[in-house]
Amino acid sequence: MPQGLKNAPATFNRCVTHLLRSVLDFAPSYFDDVFIHSRAVDGKSEVEMHKEHLRRLFALMRKHKLYANLMKCIFGASEIPVLGCLVGKNGVRPDPGKVRVINEWSTPSNVKELRQFLGLATYLCKYMSNYAGKIRPLSQLLKKDAAWVWTADCQQAFDAFKQGLTEAPILAVADQDRPFHVVCDASDFAIGCALMQHDHEGRDRVVYYQSRQLKPAERNYPVHDKELLAMKHALAKFRVYLLGSRPFVVYTDHASLRTAIKSPHIGEMALILCGADANAIGVARTSTPSSSLLDDVRSAYTNDADAKQLLDYFTAPSDKSRQKLAKHLRARVHRYRVHNGLLLYSAVDDHELKLRITYEYHDAPTSGHQGREKTFLLLMRDFYWSHQYKWVRKYVRACKVCQRVKPAPFSQAPLQSLPTPSEC
C-alpha cells in the first residue's frame, strides 16, 4: 500500500483484523500491534497455553506473509504496555512514566500551561473517581473572560489530582462472561459513575470511571433529576459494555429512582442507549456507606468539640461524666449512641412535628407559599426525614391557598358558545 493515502490507516487496520480473526479470542490487534494473553486451561499451565497461542499466531502470520520486528516483541511478560497503559493479569494501571510527569508538573502560571496539564490529566481520568469534581476550580479558569487568579482552592485541586492519580486503583479488565453493575452519584456541580464487576475471587473491582461537570441549566435540577441524569450519563458512556441480554444493576443513593426505570422516558432511553430491555435493568439504593467514608467520619471527630465530649461520655457513662457535658448536649444526650466508633443520633418520627415544621417553611408570612422545589430546598437545610421530598410535594399540593391563588401554568380557553355554521 503506498504511503499518503487518506484511507490507509483504516484499510490497514481492517486488513490485519480480518486476517487474524481466527485468533481474536486470545490475540486482539490494534493496527500493527498484536497482544496475546493466555491463562491455564484444561490442565495446561499458562506457559504451555502461551506457547500454543504463539505457534498459532506465527503460523497465521507466515501464511499471510505478515512480518514482526523481533526487537519490538515482548514474550512471556506478566505485564505489557498497551496504548499508554500497562495491562497485566491483575488489571490495568496507568503508565508510571505519565504518572511521574504529572507528579513533577510545576504549578501552571497561565492558561496555556493549565490546558497542557489538563490535556494529559483528562487522558488519565478513567483511573480516578470524581475527576470532574476535583478539577472544578481549575476548569473555572478556562472560561471565557475569566481572570487568571491562582487561588488556594486551585492549588488544592491541583495537588489533590496528583495525589489521587498516584493512589489510583488497578482497574479490572472487563469480562463479558460476568455481569456488570454501575454505581452513579450526583453533586451540586458534577455527576459521576463507575462500571464495576466481581472478579473470579468475588472481589468488587472497578472497570472504568466516568464523570463530567454539570451545565448551568442542569445545576438547577432537583436532586432526583440530577441522580437520573447521572444514570443516563452512565448508560451512554458504558453502552459498549452493557450491550446484550445479560441483566445489570444500577446502584444509586436516591430511592425514588427505583421506580424511575419503569417510566416510558427511561425505558426508551435504555433501549436506545444500550439496546437493553428496561426490565433487565435493576435499580438499587445504596444504604451502606463505603469503609473509607466511615473512616473519614471517625477521623473528623478529633476536630469536633461536641463529638469528643459525647465519645468520652459513652466510654464510661455516669452521672458525674454527664455533668461535665456542655449544657446543650446534656439535655439531649439520651438521643445519642455509639456504634462501631460512629456517633449516631436518634430523630423522633412525629407526624405533628413534621406538619409544624413544614408550616413554618411554607405557610408562614416569611415563607410566602413557595413551590415544592423551593420549599424542599429551604427545609432540607435544617431538617431531614425519610421521603422528605415526597412529603413536601403532597403538602404543597394540598395547600388550599396555593391551589386558589397560584396562577395556572397554562392559559385556559375563554368560555363562549361555539359558532353555528350557516352553510353546509
Protein backbone atom coordinates (compact mmCIF):
# COMPACT_ATOMS: atom_id res chain seq x y z
CA MET A 1 0.00 0.00 0.00
CA PRO A 2 1.54 3.36 -0.97
CA GLN A 3 2.06 5.99 1.72
CA GLY A 4 -0.06 9.11 1.91
CA LEU A 5 -3.47 7.65 1.13
CA LYS A 6 -6.24 9.16 3.25
CA ASN A 7 -7.88 5.82 3.99
CA ALA A 8 -4.62 3.90 4.50
CA PRO A 9 -4.78 3.55 8.35
CA ALA A 10 -8.37 2.31 8.35
CA THR A 11 -7.74 -0.07 5.47
CA PHE A 12 -4.60 -1.49 7.09
CA ASN A 13 -6.34 -1.97 10.46
CA ARG A 14 -9.30 -3.69 8.80
CA CYS A 15 -6.95 -5.95 6.84
CA VAL A 16 -5.00 -7.07 9.93
CA THR A 17 -8.21 -7.64 11.91
CA HIS A 18 -9.67 -9.73 9.11
CA LEU A 19 -6.57 -11.89 8.64
CA LEU A 20 -6.21 -12.56 12.39
CA ARG A 21 -9.92 -13.10 13.05
CA SER A 22 -9.42 -16.79 13.88
CA VAL A 23 -7.19 -15.94 16.88
CA LEU A 24 -9.16 -12.91 18.04
CA ASP A 25 -10.16 -14.63 21.30
CA PHE A 26 -6.61 -14.60 22.65
CA ALA A 27 -4.75 -12.23 20.28
CA PRO A 28 -6.60 -8.94 19.67
CA SER A 29 -4.88 -6.45 17.38
CA TYR A 30 -4.71 -2.67 17.01
CA PHE A 31 -3.16 -1.52 13.73
CA ASP A 32 0.31 -3.13 13.72
CA ASP A 33 0.26 -4.27 17.37
CA VAL A 34 -0.91 -7.73 18.45
CA PHE A 35 -1.49 -8.55 22.14
CA ILE A 36 -1.51 -12.21 23.21
CA HIS A 37 -2.95 -13.19 26.59
CA SER A 38 -3.08 -16.72 27.96
CA ARG A 39 -4.39 -18.45 31.05
CA ALA A 40 -4.31 -22.02 32.35
CA VAL A 41 -6.99 -24.19 30.71
CA ASP A 42 -7.77 -27.95 30.82
CA GLY A 43 -4.80 -28.87 32.97
CA LYS A 44 -2.31 -26.88 30.86
CA SER A 45 -0.27 -24.20 32.56
CA GLU A 46 -0.23 -20.56 31.50
CA VAL A 47 3.21 -21.00 29.89
CA GLU A 48 2.07 -24.03 27.84
CA MET A 49 -1.04 -22.19 26.64
CA HIS A 50 1.05 -19.14 25.79
CA LYS A 51 3.42 -21.22 23.65
CA GLU A 52 0.47 -22.80 21.85
CA HIS A 53 -1.05 -19.39 21.17
CA LEU A 54 2.26 -18.09 19.82
CA ARG A 55 2.56 -21.06 17.44
CA ARG A 56 -0.96 -20.49 16.08
CA LEU A 57 -0.33 -16.76 15.62
CA PHE A 58 3.05 -17.23 13.90
CA ALA A 59 1.60 -19.87 11.58
CA LEU A 60 -1.18 -17.49 10.62
CA MET A 61 1.26 -14.61 10.04
CA ARG A 62 3.51 -16.87 7.93
CA LYS A 63 0.53 -17.91 5.85
CA HIS A 64 -0.47 -14.33 5.05
CA LYS A 65 3.14 -13.03 4.85
CA LEU A 66 2.90 -10.72 7.84
CA TYR A 67 6.25 -9.91 9.46
CA ALA A 68 7.14 -8.95 13.05
CA ASN A 69 10.12 -6.93 14.26
CA LEU A 70 11.91 -9.12 16.80
CA MET A 71 13.44 -6.08 18.54
CA LYS A 72 9.94 -4.76 19.33
CA CYS A 73 8.49 -8.07 20.54
CA ILE A 74 7.88 -8.95 24.21
CA PHE A 75 7.38 -12.63 25.11
CA GLY A 76 6.20 -14.25 28.33
CA ALA A 77 5.72 -10.99 30.25
CA SER A 78 3.27 -10.67 33.15
CA GLU A 79 2.53 -7.08 32.12
CA ILE A 80 2.84 -5.26 28.77
CA PRO A 81 2.37 -1.63 27.64
CA VAL A 82 -0.84 -1.11 25.67
CA LEU A 83 -1.87 2.31 24.32
CA GLY A 84 -0.40 4.36 27.15
CA CYS A 85 -1.23 1.98 30.00
CA LEU A 86 0.09 -1.27 31.46
CA VAL A 87 -2.11 -4.37 31.15
CA GLY A 88 -1.41 -7.48 33.20
CA LYS A 89 -3.10 -10.38 34.91
CA ASN A 90 -4.10 -8.13 37.84
CA GLY A 91 -5.72 -5.48 35.65
CA VAL A 92 -4.97 -2.14 34.00
CA ARG A 93 -2.93 0.67 35.54
CA PRO A 94 -1.61 3.97 34.17
CA ASP A 95 1.84 4.20 32.67
CA PRO A 96 4.29 5.08 35.51
CA GLY A 97 6.08 7.44 33.13
CA LYS A 98 2.94 9.53 32.62
CA VAL A 99 2.17 9.46 36.34
CA ARG A 100 5.71 10.67 37.05
CA VAL A 101 5.24 13.54 34.60
CA ILE A 102 2.02 14.54 36.35
CA ASN A 103 3.62 14.41 39.81
CA GLU A 104 6.60 16.51 38.68
CA TRP A 105 4.44 19.08 36.90
CA SER A 106 5.06 22.56 38.24
CA THR A 107 2.22 24.92 39.15
CA PRO A 108 0.77 26.46 35.94
CA SER A 109 1.37 30.20 35.54
CA ASN A 110 -1.02 30.88 32.66
CA VAL A 111 -3.95 29.42 30.76
CA LYS A 112 -1.76 27.71 28.15
CA GLU A 113 0.19 25.74 30.77
CA LEU A 114 -3.05 24.80 32.52
CA ARG A 115 -4.52 23.46 29.26
CA GLN A 116 -1.40 21.35 28.75
CA PHE A 117 -1.75 19.88 32.23
CA LEU A 118 -5.48 19.17 31.89
CA GLY A 119 -4.89 17.63 28.46
CA LEU A 120 -2.74 14.89 29.96
CA ALA A 121 -4.93 14.68 33.07
CA THR A 122 -8.07 14.06 31.01
CA TYR A 123 -6.35 11.15 29.27
CA LEU A 124 -5.83 9.52 32.69
CA CYS A 125 -9.21 10.46 34.20
CA LYS A 126 -10.61 6.91 33.83
CA TYR A 127 -8.39 5.83 36.74
CA MET A 128 -9.80 8.41 39.18
CA SER A 129 -13.22 8.73 40.76
CA ASN A 130 -14.94 12.13 40.72
CA TYR A 131 -12.37 13.61 38.34
CA ALA A 132 -14.72 16.36 37.16
CA GLY A 133 -15.47 17.45 40.71
CA LYS A 134 -11.83 17.52 41.76
CA ILE A 135 -10.65 19.74 38.88
CA ARG A 136 -13.62 22.14 39.02
CA PRO A 137 -11.59 25.07 40.43
CA LEU A 138 -9.07 24.57 37.60
CA SER A 139 -11.66 24.38 34.85
CA GLN A 140 -13.20 27.66 36.06
CA LEU A 141 -10.00 29.41 34.97
CA LEU A 142 -10.52 28.25 31.38
CA LYS A 143 -13.82 30.05 30.97
CA LYS A 144 -14.09 32.92 28.54
CA ASP A 145 -13.17 36.32 30.07
CA ALA A 146 -12.13 34.64 33.34
CA ALA A 147 -9.34 36.45 35.20
CA TRP A 148 -6.24 34.39 35.94
CA VAL A 149 -6.12 34.16 39.74
CA TRP A 150 -4.45 31.06 41.18
CA THR A 151 -6.28 30.68 44.50
CA ALA A 152 -5.80 28.26 47.38
CA ASP A 153 -8.69 26.16 46.02
CA CYS A 154 -6.89 25.85 42.67
CA GLN A 155 -3.70 24.71 44.37
CA GLN A 156 -5.63 22.24 46.50
CA ALA A 157 -7.37 20.81 43.42
CA PHE A 158 -4.02 20.64 41.59
CA ASP A 159 -2.40 18.72 44.45
CA ALA A 160 -5.47 16.52 45.02
CA PHE A 161 -5.45 15.31 41.42
CA LYS A 162 -1.76 14.42 41.51
CA GLN A 163 -2.23 12.61 44.82
CA GLY A 164 -5.34 10.80 43.55
CA LEU A 165 -3.58 9.62 40.42
CA THR A 166 -0.68 8.27 42.48
CA GLU A 167 -3.13 6.29 44.64
CA ALA A 168 -5.38 5.25 41.72
CA PRO A 169 -6.60 1.63 41.92
CA ILE A 170 -5.71 -1.02 39.35
CA LEU A 171 -8.71 -1.28 37.04
CA ALA A 172 -10.10 -4.68 36.19
CA VAL A 173 -10.18 -5.94 32.61
CA ALA A 174 -13.81 -6.25 31.51
CA ASP A 175 -15.05 -9.84 31.32
CA GLN A 176 -18.13 -10.17 29.12
CA ASP A 177 -18.95 -13.54 30.68
CA ARG A 178 -19.64 -11.89 34.06
CA PRO A 179 -22.47 -9.46 34.90
CA PHE A 180 -21.68 -5.75 35.28
CA HIS A 181 -23.09 -3.26 37.74
CA VAL A 182 -22.99 0.52 37.63
CA VAL A 183 -22.61 2.94 40.55
CA CYS A 184 -23.63 6.54 39.89
CA ASP A 185 -23.90 9.67 42.00
CA ALA A 186 -24.51 13.41 41.59
CA SER A 187 -23.48 16.55 43.46
CA ASP A 188 -24.38 20.21 43.08
CA PHE A 189 -21.92 20.74 40.23
CA ALA A 190 -20.87 17.32 38.83
CA ILE A 191 -22.07 13.80 38.11
CA GLY A 192 -20.02 10.64 38.17
CA CYS A 193 -20.34 6.91 37.63
CA ALA A 194 -18.27 3.75 37.76
CA LEU A 195 -18.57 0.49 35.86
CA MET A 196 -17.84 -2.38 38.22
CA GLN A 197 -17.62 -6.16 38.12
CA HIS A 198 -16.90 -9.02 40.52
CA ASP A 199 -13.74 -10.93 39.66
CA HIS A 200 -13.26 -14.70 39.92
CA GLU A 201 -12.42 -14.31 43.62
CA GLY A 202 -15.63 -12.41 44.35
CA ARG A 203 -13.96 -9.03 44.84
CA ASP A 204 -15.72 -5.90 43.64
CA ARG A 205 -13.43 -4.31 41.00
CA VAL A 206 -13.69 -1.03 39.09
CA VAL A 207 -13.52 -1.34 35.31
CA TYR A 208 -13.93 2.31 34.34
CA TYR A 209 -14.56 5.71 35.95
CA GLN A 210 -16.52 8.48 34.21
CA SER A 211 -17.57 11.96 35.33
CA ARG A 212 -18.42 15.38 33.98
CA GLN A 213 -19.40 18.79 35.29
CA LEU A 214 -23.00 19.95 35.16
CA LYS A 215 -24.08 22.61 32.71
CA PRO A 216 -25.52 25.85 34.15
CA ALA A 217 -29.11 24.76 33.46
CA GLU A 218 -28.50 21.29 34.92
CA ARG A 219 -27.36 22.76 38.23
CA ASN A 220 -30.92 23.97 38.79
CA TYR A 221 -32.31 20.43 38.57
CA PRO A 222 -33.79 18.92 41.74
CA VAL A 223 -31.79 16.21 43.46
CA HIS A 224 -33.65 13.26 41.95
CA ASP A 225 -33.29 14.68 38.43
CA LYS A 226 -29.53 15.04 38.93
CA GLU A 227 -29.35 11.42 40.03
CA LEU A 228 -31.39 10.44 36.97
CA LEU A 229 -29.02 12.47 34.78
CA ALA A 230 -26.07 10.57 36.28
CA MET A 231 -27.78 7.29 35.41
CA LYS A 232 -28.38 8.46 31.85
CA HIS A 233 -24.72 9.51 31.55
CA ALA A 234 -23.61 6.09 32.81
CA LEU A 235 -25.79 4.20 30.32
CA ALA A 236 -24.43 6.30 27.46
CA LYS A 237 -20.74 6.03 28.42
CA PHE A 238 -20.79 2.31 29.26
CA ARG A 239 -23.01 1.33 26.36
CA VAL A 240 -20.40 -0.89 24.68
CA TYR A 241 -20.03 -2.94 27.88
CA LEU A 242 -23.74 -3.16 28.72
CA LEU A 243 -24.91 -4.23 25.27
CA GLY A 244 -26.50 -7.65 25.29
CA SER A 245 -29.22 -9.58 27.04
CA ARG A 246 -27.47 -10.07 30.40
CA PRO A 247 -29.23 -8.03 33.14
CA PHE A 248 -27.27 -5.44 35.09
CA VAL A 249 -27.90 -3.34 38.20
CA VAL A 250 -27.53 0.42 38.65
CA TYR A 251 -26.75 1.50 42.23
CA THR A 252 -27.82 4.98 43.29
CA ASP A 253 -28.32 6.73 46.64
CA HIS A 254 -31.76 8.13 45.75
CA ALA A 255 -34.66 5.80 46.50
CA SER A 256 -37.12 7.46 44.08
CA LEU A 257 -35.12 6.15 41.13
CA ARG A 258 -36.22 2.61 41.92
CA THR A 259 -39.49 3.36 40.12
CA ALA A 260 -37.94 5.72 37.56
CA ILE A 261 -36.77 2.77 35.47
CA LYS A 262 -40.43 1.91 34.85
CA SER A 263 -41.16 5.29 33.28
CA PRO A 264 -41.55 5.43 29.47
CA HIS A 265 -38.74 8.00 29.22
CA ILE A 266 -36.13 5.79 30.89
CA GLY A 267 -37.40 2.68 29.14
CA GLU A 268 -36.98 4.34 25.77
CA MET A 269 -33.58 5.74 26.75
CA ALA A 270 -32.33 2.34 27.91
CA LEU A 271 -33.47 0.76 24.67
CA ILE A 272 -31.73 3.41 22.55
CA LEU A 273 -28.51 3.74 24.54
CA CYS A 274 -27.68 0.17 25.47
CA GLY A 275 -30.09 -1.93 23.40
CA ALA A 276 -31.48 -3.48 26.57
CA ASP A 277 -34.96 -4.04 27.82
CA ALA A 278 -35.71 -1.70 30.70
CA ASN A 279 -36.98 -4.67 32.70
CA ALA A 280 -33.46 -6.15 32.54
CA ILE A 281 -32.04 -3.13 34.41
CA GLY A 282 -32.31 -3.16 38.18
CA VAL A 283 -32.02 -0.01 40.29
CA ALA A 284 -30.87 -0.47 43.87
CA ARG A 285 -30.46 2.16 46.54
CA THR A 286 -27.13 2.03 48.34
CA SER A 287 -27.75 2.05 52.09
CA THR A 288 -24.31 1.07 53.42
CA PRO A 289 -21.58 3.72 53.10
CA SER A 290 -18.11 2.67 52.00
CA SER A 291 -15.49 1.88 54.64
CA SER A 292 -13.27 4.76 53.52
CA LEU A 293 -16.13 7.21 54.05
CA LEU A 294 -16.78 5.88 57.55
CA ASP A 295 -13.09 6.22 58.38
CA ASP A 296 -13.22 9.86 57.27
CA VAL A 297 -16.17 10.45 59.60
CA ARG A 298 -14.35 8.88 62.55
CA SER A 299 -11.20 10.93 61.91
CA ALA A 300 -13.28 14.14 61.77
CA TYR A 301 -14.40 13.62 65.38
CA THR A 302 -10.99 14.83 66.61
CA ASN A 303 -11.76 18.33 65.28
CA ASP A 304 -15.28 18.50 66.73
CA ALA A 305 -15.57 19.55 70.37
CA ASP A 306 -19.13 18.24 70.82
CA ALA A 307 -18.28 14.86 69.30
CA LYS A 308 -15.24 14.43 71.56
CA GLN A 309 -17.33 15.20 74.65
CA LEU A 310 -20.00 12.68 73.67
CA LEU A 311 -17.48 9.95 72.83
CA ASP A 312 -15.75 10.47 76.17
CA TYR A 313 -19.11 10.25 77.93
CA PHE A 314 -20.14 6.98 76.24
CA THR A 315 -16.76 5.44 77.04
CA ALA A 316 -17.76 5.44 80.73
CA PRO A 317 -21.32 6.79 81.13
CA SER A 318 -22.26 8.02 84.61
CA ASP A 319 -23.99 10.94 86.29
CA LYS A 320 -20.65 12.52 87.07
CA SER A 321 -19.44 12.35 83.47
CA ARG A 322 -22.82 13.63 82.27
CA GLN A 323 -22.44 16.77 84.33
CA LYS A 324 -19.19 17.51 82.50
CA LEU A 325 -21.04 17.77 79.17
CA ALA A 326 -21.96 21.12 77.71
CA LYS A 327 -25.45 22.32 78.59
CA HIS A 328 -26.86 21.89 75.08
CA LEU A 329 -25.55 18.29 74.96
CA ARG A 330 -26.65 17.32 78.45
CA ALA A 331 -30.35 17.84 77.63
CA ARG A 332 -30.35 15.51 74.63
CA VAL A 333 -27.59 13.03 75.38
CA HIS A 334 -30.24 10.29 75.61
CA ARG A 335 -30.75 10.59 71.85
CA TYR A 336 -27.12 9.71 71.07
CA ARG A 337 -25.46 6.31 70.94
CA VAL A 338 -22.16 4.90 69.67
CA HIS A 339 -21.97 2.03 67.17
CA ASN A 340 -18.65 0.78 65.73
CA GLY A 341 -16.98 4.03 66.67
CA LEU A 342 -19.66 6.14 64.96
CA LEU A 343 -21.78 8.66 66.81
CA LEU A 344 -25.46 8.16 65.96
CA TYR A 345 -28.38 10.49 66.70
CA SER A 346 -31.96 9.23 67.03
CA ALA A 347 -34.54 11.53 65.46
CA VAL A 348 -38.21 11.45 66.50
CA ASP A 349 -40.60 10.42 63.71
CA ASP A 350 -43.51 12.64 64.76
CA HIS A 351 -46.21 13.41 62.19
CA GLU A 352 -47.45 16.51 64.01
CA LEU A 353 -43.91 17.84 64.35
CA LYS A 354 -43.36 17.44 60.62
CA LEU A 355 -46.55 19.42 59.94
CA ARG A 356 -45.46 22.24 62.25
CA ILE A 357 -42.01 22.43 60.67
CA THR A 358 -43.34 22.38 57.12
CA TYR A 359 -45.90 25.05 58.04
CA GLU A 360 -43.10 27.40 59.14
CA TYR A 361 -41.21 26.88 55.89
CA HIS A 362 -44.25 27.14 53.58
CA ASP A 363 -47.26 28.91 55.15
CA ALA A 364 -45.55 31.43 57.42
CA PRO A 365 -45.55 35.09 56.24
CA THR A 366 -41.77 34.97 55.83
CA SER A 367 -42.05 31.91 53.58
CA GLY A 368 -44.60 33.20 51.10
CA HIS A 369 -46.12 29.88 49.98
CA GLN A 370 -43.22 28.84 47.76
CA GLY A 371 -43.50 25.92 45.36
CA ARG A 372 -42.48 22.39 46.23
CA GLU A 373 -38.90 22.72 44.92
CA LYS A 374 -38.06 25.91 46.83
CA THR A 375 -39.86 24.72 49.94
CA PHE A 376 -37.91 21.46 49.86
CA LEU A 377 -34.58 23.29 49.41
CA LEU A 378 -35.35 25.58 52.36
CA LEU A 379 -36.45 22.68 54.54
CA MET A 380 -33.53 20.37 53.80
CA ARG A 381 -31.03 22.98 55.00
CA ASP A 382 -32.13 22.46 58.61
CA PHE A 383 -34.16 19.22 58.78
CA TYR A 384 -34.21 15.74 57.37
CA TRP A 385 -36.54 12.76 57.48
CA SER A 386 -37.26 9.83 55.19
CA HIS A 387 -39.10 10.60 51.94
CA GLN A 388 -38.85 14.31 52.68
CA TYR A 389 -39.37 15.46 49.07
CA LYS A 390 -42.47 13.31 48.70
CA TRP A 391 -43.80 14.75 51.96
CA VAL A 392 -43.26 18.35 50.76
CA ARG A 393 -44.84 17.62 47.38
CA LYS A 394 -48.03 16.27 48.99
CA TYR A 395 -48.13 19.15 51.48
CA VAL A 396 -47.86 21.84 48.78
CA ARG A 397 -50.40 20.06 46.59
CA ALA A 398 -52.89 20.01 49.50
CA CYS A 399 -52.34 23.68 50.39
CA LYS A 400 -55.66 25.48 49.76
CA VAL A 401 -54.06 28.90 49.45
CA CYS A 402 -51.65 27.70 46.75
CA GLN A 403 -54.41 25.99 44.79
CA ARG A 404 -56.68 29.05 44.97
CA VAL A 405 -54.19 31.87 44.39
CA LYS A 406 -51.32 30.43 42.35
CA PRO A 407 -51.77 31.01 38.60
CA ALA A 408 -52.22 28.03 36.31
CA PRO A 409 -49.13 27.03 34.29
CA PHE A 410 -51.14 27.26 31.06
CA SER A 411 -53.71 29.68 29.65
CA GLN A 412 -57.30 28.50 29.61
CA ALA A 413 -59.60 28.99 26.67
CA PRO A 414 -62.36 31.57 27.26
CA LEU A 415 -65.87 30.29 27.92
CA GLN A 416 -68.03 31.07 24.88
CA SER A 417 -70.55 29.35 22.69
CA LEU A 418 -69.44 27.57 19.58
CA PRO A 419 -70.25 29.31 16.29
CA THR A 420 -73.20 27.84 14.42
CA PRO A 421 -72.41 27.08 10.77
CA SER A 422 -74.65 28.96 8.35
CA GLU A 423 -73.70 26.99 5.26
CA CYS A 424 -73.07 23.32 4.59
